[in-house]
N, C-alpha and C. Protein backbone atom coordinates (compact mmCIF):
# COMPACT_ATOMS: atom_id res chain seq x y z
N MET A 1 -24.98 -56.85 -69.01
CA MET A 1 -23.57 -57.17 -69.19
C MET A 1 -23.11 -58.05 -68.04
N VAL A 2 -22.23 -58.99 -68.35
CA VAL A 2 -21.62 -59.83 -67.33
C VAL A 2 -20.12 -59.53 -67.29
N ILE A 3 -19.66 -59.14 -66.12
CA ILE A 3 -18.23 -58.94 -65.87
C ILE A 3 -17.77 -60.12 -65.03
N TRP A 4 -16.80 -60.84 -65.54
CA TRP A 4 -16.36 -62.12 -64.96
C TRP A 4 -14.95 -61.92 -64.43
N LEU A 5 -14.80 -61.82 -63.10
CA LEU A 5 -13.48 -61.68 -62.48
C LEU A 5 -12.97 -63.07 -62.11
N ILE A 6 -11.78 -63.39 -62.61
CA ILE A 6 -11.23 -64.73 -62.38
C ILE A 6 -9.83 -64.63 -61.79
N GLY A 7 -9.44 -65.70 -61.12
CA GLY A 7 -8.10 -65.78 -60.54
C GLY A 7 -8.12 -66.72 -59.36
N LEU A 8 -6.94 -67.02 -58.87
CA LEU A 8 -6.79 -67.91 -57.73
C LEU A 8 -7.37 -67.29 -56.46
N SER A 9 -7.60 -68.14 -55.47
CA SER A 9 -8.09 -67.67 -54.18
C SER A 9 -7.09 -66.68 -53.58
N GLY A 10 -7.60 -65.55 -53.14
CA GLY A 10 -6.75 -64.53 -52.53
C GLY A 10 -6.20 -63.52 -53.51
N SER A 11 -6.58 -63.62 -54.79
CA SER A 11 -6.03 -62.70 -55.80
C SER A 11 -6.73 -61.34 -55.82
N GLY A 12 -7.83 -61.21 -55.10
CA GLY A 12 -8.51 -59.92 -55.03
C GLY A 12 -9.79 -59.82 -55.82
N LYS A 13 -10.30 -60.94 -56.30
CA LYS A 13 -11.53 -60.92 -57.11
C LYS A 13 -12.69 -60.27 -56.37
N THR A 14 -12.96 -60.73 -55.17
CA THR A 14 -14.11 -60.23 -54.41
C THR A 14 -13.91 -58.78 -53.98
N THR A 15 -12.69 -58.43 -53.61
CA THR A 15 -12.41 -57.04 -53.22
C THR A 15 -12.68 -56.09 -54.38
N LEU A 16 -12.13 -56.40 -55.55
CA LEU A 16 -12.35 -55.54 -56.71
C LEU A 16 -13.79 -55.61 -57.18
N GLY A 17 -14.35 -56.81 -57.23
CA GLY A 17 -15.73 -56.97 -57.68
C GLY A 17 -16.72 -56.22 -56.82
N SER A 18 -16.51 -56.25 -55.52
CA SER A 18 -17.41 -55.52 -54.59
C SER A 18 -17.35 -54.02 -54.85
N GLU A 19 -16.17 -53.50 -55.07
CA GLU A 19 -16.04 -52.06 -55.34
C GLU A 19 -16.62 -51.71 -56.71
N MET A 20 -16.41 -52.57 -57.68
CA MET A 20 -17.01 -52.32 -59.00
C MET A 20 -18.53 -52.31 -58.89
N ALA A 21 -19.09 -53.25 -58.15
CA ALA A 21 -20.55 -53.30 -57.97
C ALA A 21 -21.04 -52.04 -57.26
N ARG A 22 -20.32 -51.60 -56.25
CA ARG A 22 -20.71 -50.39 -55.52
C ARG A 22 -20.74 -49.19 -56.46
N GLN A 23 -19.70 -49.03 -57.25
CA GLN A 23 -19.63 -47.90 -58.17
C GLN A 23 -20.68 -48.00 -59.27
N LEU A 24 -20.86 -49.19 -59.81
CA LEU A 24 -21.83 -49.36 -60.89
C LEU A 24 -23.26 -49.14 -60.41
N ARG A 25 -23.57 -49.59 -59.22
CA ARG A 25 -24.93 -49.40 -58.67
C ARG A 25 -25.28 -47.93 -58.49
N ALA A 26 -24.30 -47.08 -58.28
CA ALA A 26 -24.56 -45.65 -58.12
C ALA A 26 -25.22 -45.07 -59.37
N ARG A 27 -24.90 -45.63 -60.53
CA ARG A 27 -25.47 -45.15 -61.80
C ARG A 27 -26.44 -46.14 -62.43
N HIS A 28 -26.25 -47.41 -62.11
CA HIS A 28 -27.07 -48.47 -62.70
C HIS A 28 -27.54 -49.40 -61.56
N PRO A 29 -28.66 -49.07 -60.92
CA PRO A 29 -29.12 -49.88 -59.78
C PRO A 29 -29.40 -51.35 -60.13
N ASN A 30 -29.56 -51.63 -61.41
CA ASN A 30 -29.82 -53.00 -61.85
C ASN A 30 -28.51 -53.78 -61.95
N THR A 31 -27.77 -53.80 -60.85
CA THR A 31 -26.47 -54.46 -60.77
C THR A 31 -26.47 -55.45 -59.62
N VAL A 32 -25.91 -56.64 -59.85
CA VAL A 32 -25.82 -57.63 -58.79
C VAL A 32 -24.39 -58.17 -58.76
N LEU A 33 -23.92 -58.45 -57.56
CA LEU A 33 -22.61 -59.06 -57.34
C LEU A 33 -22.81 -60.52 -56.98
N LEU A 34 -22.15 -61.41 -57.71
CA LEU A 34 -22.18 -62.83 -57.41
C LEU A 34 -20.76 -63.26 -57.05
N ASP A 35 -20.62 -63.84 -55.87
CA ASP A 35 -19.32 -64.31 -55.41
C ASP A 35 -19.36 -65.83 -55.30
N GLY A 36 -18.36 -66.50 -55.84
CA GLY A 36 -18.34 -67.96 -55.85
C GLY A 36 -18.49 -68.58 -54.48
N ASP A 37 -17.79 -68.05 -53.47
CA ASP A 37 -17.89 -68.61 -52.11
C ASP A 37 -19.29 -68.43 -51.53
N THR A 38 -19.87 -67.27 -51.74
CA THR A 38 -21.22 -67.00 -51.23
C THR A 38 -22.24 -67.89 -51.92
N LEU A 39 -22.10 -68.04 -53.23
CA LEU A 39 -23.05 -68.88 -53.97
C LEU A 39 -22.94 -70.35 -53.57
N ARG A 40 -21.77 -70.80 -53.21
CA ARG A 40 -21.63 -72.18 -52.70
C ARG A 40 -22.53 -72.35 -51.47
N GLN A 41 -22.56 -71.34 -50.60
CA GLN A 41 -23.41 -71.40 -49.40
C GLN A 41 -24.88 -71.34 -49.80
N VAL A 42 -25.23 -70.46 -50.72
CA VAL A 42 -26.61 -70.33 -51.16
C VAL A 42 -27.12 -71.64 -51.75
N PHE A 43 -26.30 -72.28 -52.57
CA PHE A 43 -26.67 -73.54 -53.20
C PHE A 43 -26.47 -74.74 -52.28
N ALA A 44 -26.02 -74.49 -51.04
CA ALA A 44 -25.70 -75.57 -50.08
C ALA A 44 -24.72 -76.56 -50.72
N PHE A 45 -23.73 -76.01 -51.39
CA PHE A 45 -22.74 -76.83 -52.09
C PHE A 45 -21.34 -76.51 -51.55
N ASP A 46 -21.26 -76.38 -50.23
CA ASP A 46 -20.00 -76.02 -49.58
C ASP A 46 -19.63 -76.99 -48.46
N ARG A 47 -20.24 -78.17 -48.47
CA ARG A 47 -20.02 -79.13 -47.39
C ARG A 47 -19.27 -80.35 -47.89
N GLY A 48 -18.29 -80.78 -47.14
CA GLY A 48 -17.51 -81.95 -47.52
C GLY A 48 -16.51 -81.61 -48.60
N SER A 49 -15.90 -82.63 -49.17
CA SER A 49 -14.87 -82.38 -50.19
C SER A 49 -15.40 -82.53 -51.61
N ASP A 50 -16.52 -83.22 -51.82
CA ASP A 50 -17.03 -83.44 -53.18
C ASP A 50 -17.24 -82.14 -53.97
N PRO A 51 -17.79 -81.08 -53.37
CA PRO A 51 -17.99 -79.85 -54.14
C PRO A 51 -16.68 -79.22 -54.63
N TYR A 52 -15.57 -79.61 -54.05
CA TYR A 52 -14.29 -78.99 -54.38
C TYR A 52 -13.45 -79.84 -55.33
N THR A 53 -13.97 -81.00 -55.74
CA THR A 53 -13.30 -81.79 -56.77
C THR A 53 -13.45 -81.05 -58.10
N VAL A 54 -12.73 -81.49 -59.11
CA VAL A 54 -12.86 -80.87 -60.43
C VAL A 54 -14.31 -80.96 -60.91
N GLU A 55 -14.93 -82.13 -60.71
CA GLU A 55 -16.33 -82.31 -61.14
C GLU A 55 -17.26 -81.39 -60.35
N GLY A 56 -17.06 -81.29 -59.06
CA GLY A 56 -17.87 -80.40 -58.23
C GLY A 56 -17.68 -78.95 -58.61
N ARG A 57 -16.47 -78.58 -58.92
CA ARG A 57 -16.18 -77.21 -59.33
C ARG A 57 -16.86 -76.89 -60.67
N ARG A 58 -16.89 -77.87 -61.58
CA ARG A 58 -17.57 -77.64 -62.86
C ARG A 58 -19.07 -77.43 -62.64
N LEU A 59 -19.67 -78.27 -61.79
CA LEU A 59 -21.09 -78.13 -61.49
C LEU A 59 -21.38 -76.75 -60.91
N ASN A 60 -20.56 -76.30 -59.98
CA ASN A 60 -20.73 -74.98 -59.37
C ASN A 60 -20.58 -73.88 -60.43
N ALA A 61 -19.57 -74.00 -61.29
CA ALA A 61 -19.35 -73.00 -62.34
C ALA A 61 -20.53 -72.97 -63.32
N GLU A 62 -21.08 -74.13 -63.64
CA GLU A 62 -22.24 -74.18 -64.53
C GLU A 62 -23.45 -73.51 -63.90
N ARG A 63 -23.64 -73.71 -62.61
CA ARG A 63 -24.76 -73.05 -61.91
C ARG A 63 -24.58 -71.54 -61.93
N ILE A 64 -23.37 -71.09 -61.68
CA ILE A 64 -23.12 -69.64 -61.65
C ILE A 64 -23.32 -69.04 -63.05
N ALA A 65 -22.82 -69.71 -64.08
CA ALA A 65 -23.01 -69.21 -65.45
C ALA A 65 -24.49 -69.17 -65.82
N ALA A 66 -25.24 -70.19 -65.41
CA ALA A 66 -26.69 -70.20 -65.70
C ALA A 66 -27.39 -69.06 -64.97
N LEU A 67 -27.01 -68.80 -63.74
CA LEU A 67 -27.58 -67.69 -62.98
C LEU A 67 -27.23 -66.36 -63.65
N CYS A 68 -25.98 -66.21 -64.07
CA CYS A 68 -25.57 -65.00 -64.79
C CYS A 68 -26.39 -64.81 -66.06
N GLU A 69 -26.61 -65.90 -66.78
CA GLU A 69 -27.38 -65.82 -68.02
C GLU A 69 -28.83 -65.38 -67.73
N MET A 70 -29.43 -65.95 -66.70
CA MET A 70 -30.80 -65.59 -66.34
C MET A 70 -30.90 -64.10 -66.00
N LEU A 71 -29.95 -63.60 -65.20
CA LEU A 71 -29.96 -62.19 -64.81
C LEU A 71 -29.68 -61.29 -66.02
N ASP A 72 -28.73 -61.69 -66.84
CA ASP A 72 -28.38 -60.92 -68.03
C ASP A 72 -29.58 -60.78 -68.97
N ARG A 73 -30.35 -61.84 -69.13
CA ARG A 73 -31.54 -61.79 -69.99
C ARG A 73 -32.59 -60.82 -69.46
N GLN A 74 -32.53 -60.53 -68.18
CA GLN A 74 -33.48 -59.59 -67.57
C GLN A 74 -32.92 -58.16 -67.53
N GLY A 75 -31.78 -57.95 -68.16
CA GLY A 75 -31.20 -56.60 -68.22
C GLY A 75 -30.47 -56.20 -66.96
N ILE A 76 -30.04 -57.16 -66.20
CA ILE A 76 -29.32 -56.88 -64.95
C ILE A 76 -27.83 -57.04 -65.20
N HIS A 77 -27.06 -56.03 -64.80
CA HIS A 77 -25.60 -56.13 -64.88
C HIS A 77 -25.14 -57.09 -63.80
N VAL A 78 -24.22 -57.98 -64.15
CA VAL A 78 -23.71 -58.98 -63.21
C VAL A 78 -22.20 -58.84 -63.11
N ILE A 79 -21.73 -58.78 -61.89
CA ILE A 79 -20.30 -58.87 -61.62
C ILE A 79 -20.11 -60.17 -60.87
N SER A 80 -19.40 -61.11 -61.51
CA SER A 80 -19.24 -62.45 -60.97
C SER A 80 -17.77 -62.70 -60.63
N CYS A 81 -17.52 -63.06 -59.38
CA CYS A 81 -16.17 -63.34 -58.90
C CYS A 81 -16.04 -64.84 -58.69
N ILE A 82 -15.24 -65.50 -59.53
CA ILE A 82 -15.18 -66.96 -59.54
C ILE A 82 -13.79 -67.41 -59.98
N LEU A 83 -13.32 -68.53 -59.43
CA LEU A 83 -12.02 -69.07 -59.85
C LEU A 83 -11.95 -69.27 -61.35
N SER A 84 -12.98 -69.88 -61.93
CA SER A 84 -13.12 -70.07 -63.37
C SER A 84 -11.94 -70.85 -63.96
N ILE A 85 -11.85 -72.13 -63.62
CA ILE A 85 -10.73 -72.95 -64.09
C ILE A 85 -11.00 -73.65 -65.42
N PHE A 86 -12.17 -73.43 -65.99
CA PHE A 86 -12.55 -74.15 -67.20
C PHE A 86 -12.52 -73.22 -68.41
N ALA A 87 -11.48 -73.38 -69.25
CA ALA A 87 -11.31 -72.53 -70.42
C ALA A 87 -12.49 -72.63 -71.38
N ASP A 88 -13.07 -73.83 -71.51
CA ASP A 88 -14.21 -73.99 -72.43
C ASP A 88 -15.41 -73.17 -71.98
N MET A 89 -15.61 -73.05 -70.67
CA MET A 89 -16.72 -72.25 -70.17
C MET A 89 -16.46 -70.76 -70.40
N ARG A 90 -15.23 -70.33 -70.18
CA ARG A 90 -14.90 -68.92 -70.43
C ARG A 90 -15.11 -68.58 -71.90
N LYS A 91 -14.72 -69.49 -72.78
CA LYS A 91 -14.92 -69.27 -74.22
C LYS A 91 -16.42 -69.18 -74.54
N ALA A 92 -17.21 -70.07 -73.96
CA ALA A 92 -18.66 -70.05 -74.19
C ALA A 92 -19.31 -68.78 -73.66
N ASN A 93 -18.75 -68.22 -72.59
CA ASN A 93 -19.30 -66.98 -72.02
C ASN A 93 -19.34 -65.86 -73.05
N ARG A 94 -18.40 -65.86 -73.96
CA ARG A 94 -18.30 -64.77 -74.94
C ARG A 94 -19.51 -64.72 -75.87
N THR A 95 -20.21 -65.84 -76.02
CA THR A 95 -21.42 -65.85 -76.85
C THR A 95 -22.68 -66.08 -76.02
N ARG A 96 -22.52 -66.51 -74.80
CA ARG A 96 -23.66 -66.83 -73.94
C ARG A 96 -24.38 -65.59 -73.42
N PHE A 97 -23.62 -64.54 -73.16
CA PHE A 97 -24.17 -63.33 -72.54
C PHE A 97 -24.30 -62.20 -73.56
N SER A 98 -25.18 -61.23 -73.24
CA SER A 98 -25.39 -60.10 -74.16
C SER A 98 -24.09 -59.33 -74.37
N ARG A 99 -23.35 -59.11 -73.30
CA ARG A 99 -22.02 -58.50 -73.33
C ARG A 99 -21.21 -59.17 -72.24
N TYR A 100 -19.94 -59.39 -72.51
CA TYR A 100 -19.08 -60.11 -71.58
C TYR A 100 -17.73 -59.42 -71.52
N PHE A 101 -17.24 -59.25 -70.30
CA PHE A 101 -15.93 -58.64 -70.08
C PHE A 101 -15.23 -59.46 -69.01
N GLU A 102 -14.07 -59.97 -69.35
CA GLU A 102 -13.34 -60.87 -68.46
C GLU A 102 -12.11 -60.17 -67.89
N ILE A 103 -12.00 -60.23 -66.56
CA ILE A 103 -10.86 -59.64 -65.86
C ILE A 103 -10.11 -60.76 -65.16
N PHE A 104 -8.82 -60.88 -65.45
CA PHE A 104 -7.97 -61.87 -64.79
C PHE A 104 -7.15 -61.18 -63.72
N MET A 105 -7.38 -61.57 -62.48
CA MET A 105 -6.60 -61.07 -61.35
C MET A 105 -5.36 -61.96 -61.25
N ASP A 106 -4.26 -61.45 -61.73
CA ASP A 106 -3.04 -62.23 -61.90
C ASP A 106 -2.10 -62.06 -60.71
N ALA A 107 -1.92 -63.13 -59.98
CA ALA A 107 -0.97 -63.13 -58.87
C ALA A 107 -0.32 -64.51 -58.81
N PRO A 108 1.00 -64.55 -58.72
CA PRO A 108 1.65 -65.85 -58.63
C PRO A 108 1.30 -66.55 -57.32
N LEU A 109 1.29 -67.88 -57.38
CA LEU A 109 0.93 -68.67 -56.21
C LEU A 109 1.78 -68.32 -54.99
N GLU A 110 3.05 -68.05 -55.18
CA GLU A 110 3.92 -67.72 -54.03
C GLU A 110 3.46 -66.45 -53.33
N ALA A 111 3.03 -65.45 -54.08
CA ALA A 111 2.51 -64.21 -53.48
C ALA A 111 1.23 -64.51 -52.70
N LEU A 112 0.40 -65.38 -53.25
CA LEU A 112 -0.86 -65.72 -52.58
C LEU A 112 -0.61 -66.56 -51.33
N ARG A 113 0.39 -67.42 -51.37
CA ARG A 113 0.75 -68.20 -50.18
C ARG A 113 1.23 -67.27 -49.06
N GLN A 114 1.97 -66.25 -49.41
CA GLN A 114 2.44 -65.30 -48.40
C GLN A 114 1.28 -64.49 -47.83
N ARG A 115 0.35 -64.10 -48.68
CA ARG A 115 -0.81 -63.32 -48.27
C ARG A 115 -1.79 -64.19 -47.49
N ASP A 116 -2.16 -65.32 -48.04
CA ASP A 116 -3.02 -66.37 -47.47
C ASP A 116 -4.02 -65.89 -46.42
N VAL A 117 -4.87 -64.95 -46.79
CA VAL A 117 -5.82 -64.35 -45.86
C VAL A 117 -6.81 -65.34 -45.26
N LYS A 118 -7.14 -66.41 -45.99
CA LYS A 118 -8.08 -67.40 -45.49
C LYS A 118 -7.39 -68.61 -44.85
N GLY A 119 -6.07 -68.66 -44.93
CA GLY A 119 -5.34 -69.83 -44.42
C GLY A 119 -5.50 -71.04 -45.31
N LEU A 120 -6.00 -70.84 -46.51
CA LEU A 120 -6.30 -71.93 -47.44
C LEU A 120 -5.03 -72.65 -47.90
N TYR A 121 -4.04 -71.88 -48.30
CA TYR A 121 -2.82 -72.48 -48.85
C TYR A 121 -2.02 -73.20 -47.76
N ALA A 122 -1.97 -72.64 -46.58
CA ALA A 122 -1.28 -73.32 -45.48
C ALA A 122 -1.96 -74.64 -45.15
N ALA A 123 -3.30 -74.63 -45.14
CA ALA A 123 -4.05 -75.86 -44.86
C ALA A 123 -3.84 -76.89 -45.97
N ALA A 124 -3.78 -76.43 -47.20
CA ALA A 124 -3.56 -77.34 -48.33
C ALA A 124 -2.15 -77.93 -48.27
N ASP A 125 -1.17 -77.07 -48.01
CA ASP A 125 0.22 -77.52 -47.96
C ASP A 125 0.48 -78.50 -46.82
N SER A 126 -0.28 -78.36 -45.73
CA SER A 126 -0.10 -79.26 -44.59
C SER A 126 -0.94 -80.53 -44.71
N GLY A 127 -1.73 -80.63 -45.77
CA GLY A 127 -2.55 -81.82 -45.98
C GLY A 127 -3.88 -81.81 -45.25
N LYS A 128 -4.25 -80.68 -44.65
CA LYS A 128 -5.52 -80.61 -43.92
C LYS A 128 -6.73 -80.53 -44.83
N ILE A 129 -6.57 -79.94 -46.02
CA ILE A 129 -7.68 -79.89 -46.97
C ILE A 129 -7.19 -80.29 -48.36
N PRO A 130 -8.03 -81.05 -49.08
CA PRO A 130 -7.68 -81.47 -50.44
C PRO A 130 -8.30 -80.56 -51.49
N ASN A 131 -7.97 -80.80 -52.73
CA ASN A 131 -8.64 -80.19 -53.89
C ASN A 131 -8.54 -78.67 -53.95
N VAL A 132 -7.42 -78.12 -53.55
CA VAL A 132 -7.23 -76.67 -53.62
C VAL A 132 -6.65 -76.31 -54.99
N VAL A 133 -7.33 -75.40 -55.67
CA VAL A 133 -6.86 -74.97 -56.98
C VAL A 133 -5.54 -74.21 -56.81
N GLY A 134 -4.60 -74.58 -57.64
CA GLY A 134 -3.26 -73.99 -57.57
C GLY A 134 -2.29 -74.87 -56.80
N VAL A 135 -2.83 -75.74 -55.93
CA VAL A 135 -1.99 -76.67 -55.17
C VAL A 135 -2.22 -78.09 -55.67
N HIS A 136 -3.45 -78.57 -55.55
CA HIS A 136 -3.79 -79.94 -55.98
C HIS A 136 -4.41 -79.97 -57.37
N ILE A 137 -5.15 -78.94 -57.69
CA ILE A 137 -5.83 -78.84 -58.99
C ILE A 137 -5.13 -77.75 -59.79
N PRO A 138 -4.68 -78.06 -60.99
CA PRO A 138 -3.97 -77.05 -61.78
C PRO A 138 -4.84 -75.84 -62.10
N PHE A 139 -4.20 -74.70 -62.11
CA PHE A 139 -4.85 -73.47 -62.56
C PHE A 139 -4.10 -73.00 -63.80
N GLU A 140 -4.73 -73.18 -64.94
CA GLU A 140 -4.12 -72.76 -66.19
C GLU A 140 -4.35 -71.27 -66.37
N ARG A 141 -3.26 -70.55 -66.51
CA ARG A 141 -3.36 -69.10 -66.70
C ARG A 141 -4.24 -68.83 -67.93
N PRO A 142 -5.32 -68.07 -67.76
CA PRO A 142 -6.21 -67.81 -68.88
C PRO A 142 -5.53 -66.93 -69.94
N SER A 143 -5.88 -67.19 -71.17
CA SER A 143 -5.41 -66.33 -72.26
C SER A 143 -6.64 -65.65 -72.85
N GLY A 144 -6.47 -64.46 -73.30
CA GLY A 144 -7.58 -63.77 -73.96
C GLY A 144 -8.47 -62.97 -73.03
N SER A 145 -8.07 -62.79 -71.78
CA SER A 145 -8.87 -61.94 -70.89
C SER A 145 -8.87 -60.52 -71.43
N ASP A 146 -9.96 -59.80 -71.21
CA ASP A 146 -10.07 -58.44 -71.70
C ASP A 146 -9.21 -57.47 -70.90
N LEU A 147 -8.96 -57.81 -69.65
CA LEU A 147 -8.14 -56.98 -68.78
C LEU A 147 -7.39 -57.91 -67.83
N VAL A 148 -6.09 -57.70 -67.72
CA VAL A 148 -5.27 -58.46 -66.79
C VAL A 148 -4.74 -57.48 -65.76
N ILE A 149 -4.98 -57.78 -64.49
CA ILE A 149 -4.54 -56.91 -63.40
C ILE A 149 -3.53 -57.68 -62.56
N ASP A 150 -2.35 -57.11 -62.43
CA ASP A 150 -1.33 -57.71 -61.57
C ASP A 150 -1.74 -57.44 -60.13
N SER A 151 -2.16 -58.50 -59.44
CA SER A 151 -2.62 -58.34 -58.06
C SER A 151 -1.64 -58.98 -57.08
N SER A 152 -0.37 -59.05 -57.47
CA SER A 152 0.63 -59.67 -56.60
C SER A 152 1.14 -58.72 -55.53
N GLY A 153 0.95 -57.42 -55.72
CA GLY A 153 1.44 -56.44 -54.76
C GLY A 153 0.46 -56.21 -53.62
N ASP A 154 0.78 -55.26 -52.78
CA ASP A 154 -0.05 -54.96 -51.62
C ASP A 154 -0.89 -53.71 -51.85
N ALA A 155 -2.10 -53.73 -51.30
CA ALA A 155 -3.00 -52.58 -51.16
C ALA A 155 -3.04 -51.62 -52.34
N PRO A 156 -3.63 -52.05 -53.46
CA PRO A 156 -3.81 -51.11 -54.57
C PRO A 156 -4.90 -50.11 -54.23
N ASP A 157 -5.01 -49.07 -55.03
CA ASP A 157 -6.10 -48.11 -54.90
C ASP A 157 -7.33 -48.76 -55.54
N VAL A 158 -8.09 -49.50 -54.74
CA VAL A 158 -9.19 -50.31 -55.26
C VAL A 158 -10.26 -49.45 -55.94
N PRO A 159 -10.69 -48.31 -55.36
CA PRO A 159 -11.69 -47.50 -56.07
C PRO A 159 -11.22 -47.03 -57.45
N ALA A 160 -9.97 -46.63 -57.56
CA ALA A 160 -9.44 -46.18 -58.86
C ALA A 160 -9.34 -47.37 -59.83
N LEU A 161 -8.92 -48.50 -59.33
CA LEU A 161 -8.82 -49.70 -60.15
C LEU A 161 -10.20 -50.13 -60.65
N ALA A 162 -11.20 -50.07 -59.78
CA ALA A 162 -12.58 -50.42 -60.15
C ALA A 162 -13.11 -49.47 -61.22
N ALA A 163 -12.87 -48.18 -61.05
CA ALA A 163 -13.32 -47.20 -62.04
C ALA A 163 -12.67 -47.45 -63.39
N ARG A 164 -11.38 -47.76 -63.38
CA ARG A 164 -10.67 -48.05 -64.63
C ARG A 164 -11.24 -49.30 -65.30
N ALA A 165 -11.50 -50.33 -64.52
CA ALA A 165 -12.03 -51.58 -65.06
C ALA A 165 -13.42 -51.36 -65.67
N LEU A 166 -14.27 -50.60 -64.99
CA LEU A 166 -15.60 -50.32 -65.51
C LEU A 166 -15.53 -49.53 -66.80
N LYS A 167 -14.63 -48.57 -66.85
CA LYS A 167 -14.46 -47.78 -68.08
C LYS A 167 -14.00 -48.68 -69.23
N GLN A 168 -13.05 -49.57 -68.95
CA GLN A 168 -12.57 -50.48 -70.00
C GLN A 168 -13.66 -51.46 -70.43
N ALA A 169 -14.56 -51.78 -69.51
CA ALA A 169 -15.67 -52.68 -69.85
C ALA A 169 -16.72 -51.97 -70.71
N GLY A 170 -16.58 -50.65 -70.82
CA GLY A 170 -17.49 -49.89 -71.67
C GLY A 170 -18.79 -49.49 -71.00
N LEU A 171 -18.78 -49.47 -69.67
CA LEU A 171 -19.99 -49.07 -68.95
C LEU A 171 -19.96 -47.57 -68.71
N ASP A 172 -21.01 -46.91 -69.16
CA ASP A 172 -21.11 -45.46 -69.03
C ASP A 172 -21.40 -45.12 -67.59
N MET A 173 -20.46 -44.46 -66.96
CA MET A 173 -20.65 -44.08 -65.55
C MET A 173 -21.09 -42.62 -65.44
N GLY A 174 -21.37 -41.97 -66.56
CA GLY A 174 -21.70 -40.56 -66.53
C GLY A 174 -23.14 -40.22 -66.24
N ALA A 175 -24.07 -41.11 -66.53
CA ALA A 175 -25.48 -40.77 -66.35
C ALA A 175 -26.22 -41.93 -65.70
N PRO A 176 -27.16 -41.63 -64.80
CA PRO A 176 -27.93 -42.71 -64.17
C PRO A 176 -28.73 -43.49 -65.22
N ALA A 177 -28.97 -44.76 -64.89
CA ALA A 177 -29.74 -45.62 -65.80
C ALA A 177 -31.20 -45.26 -65.76
């Protein structure tokens, strides 16, 4: 199964995805967490501004989807945390993987600018960095996600939220794999 967490930078994708992976691994050790920022480093696709253009972002998203597909074919559960700005790719995911569950971490840009844990939005607003999704590159609110989580507030109960998301994804947490 592939669980695809999407949303703007700072919306909580990695925080929730990491907890979901931790909980899922307790029962299903064949679980891997893929984070968009980490994979950019792994693929050496995090240098300069080209990787952050719309074209560069599509290439990165295609690599991540291909990696998810490879792991899924081997019976490995994948939790992927990615901006996912391409509606056509999200639509294709529904048939590309053995099972697919999409979670949209929904937070308005103003809430993320206030939170700005990476300083990304401040740097974008001041002109220090280009190609920031939500500022320079449009982020179209996804429709049809299997679960929408309002992540605009502060400090949710992440373990409880992760357990709820896994249950809604239909993953049996009652017995070891």
